[in-house]
Each structure stands twice: as C-alpha cells, then as structure tokens.
C-alpha cells in the first residue's frame, strides 16, 4: 500500500476554521472587557449568545475537521472533501451569525446546523466505509 497523502484539503479548512474560532473568541473577550465581566456572563444576553456561538463552533468544528482529516488520509475524493469542508465552514459561519443575533430560531442557526450535521454525517459514513474497505483487503 502506498503512503497516505499529505492532508492539504484538511489543512485549508482547518486553518479557516481556526481563524473563525479566533474571531469568535476575540469577540467574547472584547465584550467581556467592554462589560467588565471577567467570569461568567452576569446575565448579559448578548454575552451569553457570544459565548455559546464560540462554544458551539468549537464543539462541532473540531469533530468535523478531525473527520475531514481521517477521510482525507483514507483517500476520500477531493470533491467530497471540499464539499464537506465548505459545508463545515459555511455552516459554522451561519450558525455563529444566527446565534449571535437571536437565541431562538433563526435561518442562520437552522441552516448552519443542517450543513454542519450533514458534513459530519457524510464524513462519518465515509470513514466507516473506508474502515470496512481496508478491513476486507
């Protein structure tokens, strides 16, 4: 078996997601500094939404990028990887934007969740299929 490919697609989307996480974290820090809230949220609704937007992005993006990396290392097609990578990035952006504006239903939260969950489902299915394929070789 030939060596695994260099994960350049995962590097791209991992880097983009890293910048998104930094942006969301800086937003929370800026709000904390402005509101003089060092710990917790002191009941401030905007800060609560900003903290959740960052936390939710971390929770889903790490799993999605890890699945993307494993799929790339098990030779998923570049098209599949890019479609899932784009879905992850757009999904996390939409979700963060939607959650930052309202704590209830929003187009951004719903569509962002669908895109993120879809990418995780597709990558999970690919990775299980890759495991079975490699097991049976």
C-alpha atoms as a PDB file:
ATOM      1  CA  UNK A   1       0.000   0.000   0.000  1.00  0.00           C
ATOM      2  CA  UNK A   2       1.287   3.446  -0.893  1.00  0.00           C
ATOM      3  CA  UNK A   3       1.835   6.049   1.828  1.00  0.00           C
ATOM      4  CA  UNK A   4      -1.053   8.263   2.886  1.00  0.00           C
ATOM      5  CA  UNK A   5      -1.434  11.576   1.098  1.00  0.00           C
ATOM      6  CA  UNK A   6      -0.434  14.867   2.634  1.00  0.00           C
ATOM      7  CA  UNK A   7      -3.701  16.289   4.047  1.00  0.00           C
ATOM      8  CA  UNK A   8      -3.716  19.592   2.158  1.00  0.00           C
ATOM      9  CA  UNK A   9      -7.519  19.895   1.986  1.00  0.00           C
ATOM     10  CA  UNK A  10      -7.863  19.369   5.736  1.00  0.00           C
ATOM     11  CA  UNK A  11      -5.097  21.909   6.282  1.00  0.00           C
ATOM     12  CA  UNK A  12      -7.066  24.512   4.307  1.00  0.00           C
ATOM     13  CA  UNK A  13     -10.386  24.045   6.113  1.00  0.00           C
ATOM     14  CA  UNK A  14      -8.723  23.507   9.479  1.00  0.00           C
ATOM     15  CA  UNK A  15      -6.932  26.829   9.035  1.00  0.00           C
ATOM     16  CA  UNK A  16     -10.109  28.656   8.018  1.00  0.00           C
ATOM     17  CA  UNK A  17     -11.987  27.211  10.996  1.00  0.00           C
ATOM     18  CA  UNK A  18      -9.076  28.186  13.244  1.00  0.00           C
ATOM     19  CA  UNK A  19      -9.442  31.805  12.120  1.00  0.00           C
ATOM     20  CA  UNK A  20     -13.199  31.645  12.725  1.00  0.00           C
ATOM     21  CA  UNK A  21     -12.603  30.342  16.260  1.00  0.00           C
ATOM     22  CA  UNK A  22     -10.091  33.126  16.919  1.00  0.00           C
ATOM     23  CA  UNK A  23     -12.577  35.729  15.676  1.00  0.00           C
ATOM     24  CA  UNK A  24     -15.365  34.371  17.883  1.00  0.00           C
ATOM     25  CA  UNK A  25     -13.037  34.153  20.914  1.00  0.00           C
ATOM     26  CA  UNK A  26     -11.824  37.724  20.371  1.00  0.00           C
ATOM     27  CA  UNK A  27     -15.447  38.842  20.167  1.00  0.00           C
ATOM     28  CA  UNK A  28     -16.197  37.253  23.543  1.00  0.00           C
ATOM     29  CA  UNK A  29     -13.051  38.796  25.060  1.00  0.00           C
ATOM     30  CA  UNK A  30     -13.947  42.223  23.688  1.00  0.00           C
ATOM     31  CA  UNK A  31     -17.447  42.007  25.108  1.00  0.00           C
ATOM     32  CA  UNK A  32     -16.088  40.897  28.480  1.00  0.00           C
ATOM     33  CA  UNK A  33     -13.672  43.822  28.536  1.00  0.00           C
ATOM     34  CA  UNK A  34     -16.376  46.317  27.491  1.00  0.00           C
ATOM     35  CA  UNK A  35     -18.878  44.982  30.056  1.00  0.00           C
ATOM     36  CA  UNK A  36     -16.186  44.440  32.737  1.00  0.00           C
ATOM     37  CA  UNK A  37     -17.249  40.811  33.186  1.00  0.00           C
ATOM     38  CA  UNK A  38     -14.244  38.603  33.873  1.00  0.00           C
ATOM     39  CA  UNK A  39     -16.036  35.317  34.524  1.00  0.00           C
ATOM     40  CA  UNK A  40     -19.436  34.001  33.520  1.00  0.00           C
ATOM     41  CA  UNK A  41     -21.914  36.253  31.762  1.00  0.00           C
ATOM     42  CA  UNK A  42     -23.520  38.233  34.629  1.00  0.00           C
ATOM     43  CA  UNK A  43     -26.885  37.680  32.948  1.00  0.00           C
ATOM     44  CA  UNK A  44     -25.958  39.730  29.875  1.00  0.00           C
ATOM     45  CA  UNK A  45     -27.922  38.164  26.968  1.00  0.00           C
ATOM     46  CA  UNK A  46     -25.568  39.371  24.232  1.00  0.00           C
ATOM     47  CA  UNK A  47     -22.548  37.943  26.057  1.00  0.00           C
ATOM     48  CA  UNK A  48     -24.417  34.666  26.634  1.00  0.00           C
ATOM     49  CA  UNK A  49     -25.075  34.380  22.888  1.00  0.00           C
ATOM     50  CA  UNK A  50     -21.465  35.256  22.014  1.00  0.00           C
ATOM     51  CA  UNK A  51     -20.122  32.641  24.446  1.00  0.00           C
ATOM     52  CA  UNK A  52     -22.485  29.997  23.011  1.00  0.00           C
ATOM     53  CA  UNK A  53     -21.628  30.947  19.422  1.00  0.00           C
ATOM     54  CA  UNK A  54     -17.946  30.397  20.207  1.00  0.00           C
ATOM     55  CA  UNK A  55     -18.544  27.256  22.270  1.00  0.00           C
ATOM     56  CA  UNK A  56     -20.821  25.693  19.692  1.00  0.00           C
ATOM     57  CA  UNK A  57     -18.324  26.405  16.925  1.00  0.00           C
ATOM     58  CA  UNK A  58     -15.575  24.717  18.947  1.00  0.00           C
ATOM     59  CA  UNK A  59     -17.778  21.720  19.778  1.00  0.00           C
ATOM     60  CA  UNK A  60     -18.763  20.990  16.186  1.00  0.00           C
ATOM     61  CA  UNK A  61     -15.768  22.260  14.218  1.00  0.00           C
ATOM     62  CA  UNK A  62     -13.197  20.108  15.995  1.00  0.00           C
ATOM     63  CA  UNK A  63     -15.146  16.906  15.348  1.00  0.00           C
ATOM     64  CA  UNK A  64     -15.852  17.889  11.743  1.00  0.00           C
ATOM     65  CA  UNK A  65     -12.229  18.785  10.958  1.00  0.00           C
ATOM     66  CA  UNK A  66     -10.994  15.571  12.582  1.00  0.00           C
ATOM     67  CA  UNK A  67     -13.415  13.545  10.444  1.00  0.00           C
ATOM     68  CA  UNK A  68     -12.305  15.523   7.381  1.00  0.00           C
ATOM     69  CA  UNK A  69      -8.666  14.731   8.151  1.00  0.00           C
ATOM     70  CA  UNK A  70      -9.333  10.999   8.587  1.00  0.00           C
ATOM     71  CA  UNK A  71     -11.374  10.943   5.378  1.00  0.00           C
ATOM     72  CA  UNK A  72      -8.527  12.628   3.507  1.00  0.00           C
ATOM     73  CA  UNK A  73      -5.965  10.209   4.920  1.00  0.00           C
ATOM     74  CA  UNK A  74      -8.159   7.296   3.810  1.00  0.00           C
ATOM     75  CA  UNK A  75      -8.253   8.762   0.313  1.00  0.00           C
ATOM     76  CA  UNK A  76     -11.694  10.314   0.019  1.00  0.00           C
ATOM     77  CA  UNK A  77     -12.103  12.203  -3.249  1.00  0.00           C
ATOM     78  CA  UNK A  78     -11.052  15.834  -3.374  1.00  0.00           C
ATOM     79  CA  UNK A  79     -14.592  16.776  -4.425  1.00  0.00           C
ATOM     80  CA  UNK A  80     -16.123  15.092  -1.356  1.00  0.00           C
ATOM     81  CA  UNK A  81     -13.533  16.696   0.920  1.00  0.00           C
ATOM     82  CA  UNK A  82     -14.066  20.187  -0.491  1.00  0.00           C
ATOM     83  CA  UNK A  83     -17.859  19.899  -0.404  1.00  0.00           C
ATOM     84  CA  UNK A  84     -17.729  18.800   3.234  1.00  0.00           C
ATOM     85  CA  UNK A  85     -15.093  21.424   4.091  1.00  0.00           C
ATOM     86  CA  UNK A  86     -17.189  24.180   2.530  1.00  0.00           C
ATOM     87  CA  UNK A  87     -20.296  22.893   4.336  1.00  0.00           C
ATOM     88  CA  UNK A  88     -18.416  22.930   7.649  1.00  0.00           C
ATOM     89  CA  UNK A  89     -17.111  26.482   7.182  1.00  0.00           C
ATOM     90  CA  UNK A  90     -20.358  27.941   5.831  1.00  0.00           C
ATOM     91  CA  UNK A  91     -22.375  26.019   8.412  1.00  0.00           C
ATOM     92  CA  UNK A  92     -20.309  27.268  11.335  1.00  0.00           C
ATOM     93  CA  UNK A  93     -20.353  30.849   9.994  1.00  0.00           C
ATOM     94  CA  UNK A  94     -24.126  30.833   9.518  1.00  0.00           C
ATOM     95  CA  UNK A  95     -24.726  29.235  12.899  1.00  0.00           C
ATOM     96  CA  UNK A  96     -22.458  31.691  14.727  1.00  0.00           C
ATOM     97  CA  UNK A  97     -24.070  34.652  12.957  1.00  0.00           C
ATOM     98  CA  UNK A  98     -27.592  33.380  13.621  1.00  0.00           C
ATOM     99  CA  UNK A  99     -26.911  32.606  17.275  1.00  0.00           C
ATOM    100  CA  UNK A 100     -25.209  35.960  17.797  1.00  0.00           C
ATOM    101  CA  UNK A 101     -28.352  37.787  16.658  1.00  0.00           C
ATOM    102  CA  UNK A 102     -31.045  35.773  18.482  1.00  0.00           C
ATOM    103  CA  UNK A 103     -31.217  32.953  20.993  1.00  0.00           C
ATOM    104  CA  UNK A 104     -34.344  31.443  19.387  1.00  0.00           C
ATOM    105  CA  UNK A 105     -34.908  30.045  15.906  1.00  0.00           C
ATOM    106  CA  UNK A 106     -33.102  31.772  13.073  1.00  0.00           C
ATOM    107  CA  UNK A 107     -32.325  30.932   9.471  1.00  0.00           C
ATOM    108  CA  UNK A 108     -28.591  31.056  10.248  1.00  0.00           C
ATOM    109  CA  UNK A 109     -28.792  28.669  13.189  1.00  0.00           C
ATOM    110  CA  UNK A 110     -31.035  26.211  11.354  1.00  0.00           C
ATOM    111  CA  UNK A 111     -29.155  26.229   8.046  1.00  0.00           C
ATOM    112  CA  UNK A 112     -25.780  26.218   9.783  1.00  0.00           C
ATOM    113  CA  UNK A 113     -26.780  23.201  11.843  1.00  0.00           C
ATOM    114  CA  UNK A 114     -28.076  21.334   8.789  1.00  0.00           C
ATOM    115  CA  UNK A 115     -24.857  21.988   6.861  1.00  0.00           C
ATOM    116  CA  UNK A 116     -22.616  21.022   9.789  1.00  0.00           C
ATOM    117  CA  UNK A 117     -24.610  17.919  10.714  1.00  0.00           C
ATOM    118  CA  UNK A 118     -24.744  16.904   7.054  1.00  0.00           C
ATOM    119  CA  UNK A 119     -20.979  17.184   6.655  1.00  0.00           C
ATOM    120  CA  UNK A 120     -20.404  15.206   9.869  1.00  0.00           C
ATOM    121  CA  UNK A 121     -22.854  12.512   8.690  1.00  0.00           C
ATOM    122  CA  UNK A 122     -21.245  12.213   5.242  1.00  0.00           C
ATOM    123  CA  UNK A 123     -17.704  12.141   6.655  1.00  0.00           C
ATOM    124  CA  UNK A 124     -18.692   9.624   9.336  1.00  0.00           C
ATOM    125  CA  UNK A 125     -20.238   7.348   6.704  1.00  0.00           C
ATOM    126  CA  UNK A 126     -17.132   7.683   4.510  1.00  0.00           C
ATOM    127  CA  UNK A 127     -14.826   6.839   7.422  1.00  0.00           C
ATOM    128  CA  UNK A 128     -16.817   3.740   8.400  1.00  0.00           C
ATOM    129  CA  UNK A 129     -16.861   2.674   4.735  1.00  0.00           C
ATOM    130  CA  UNK A 130     -13.102   3.255   4.498  1.00  0.00           C
ATOM    131  CA  UNK A 131     -12.558   1.128   7.600  1.00  0.00           C
ATOM    132  CA  UNK A 132     -14.645  -1.706   6.141  1.00  0.00           C
ATOM    133  CA  UNK A 133     -12.878  -1.414   2.790  1.00  0.00           C
ATOM    134  CA  UNK A 134      -9.451  -1.560   4.426  1.00  0.00           C
ATOM    135  CA  UNK A 135     -10.527  -4.387   6.727  1.00  0.00           C
ATOM    136  CA  UNK A 136     -11.638  -6.543   3.807  1.00  0.00           C
ATOM    137  CA  UNK A 137      -8.463  -6.003   1.723  1.00  0.00           C
END
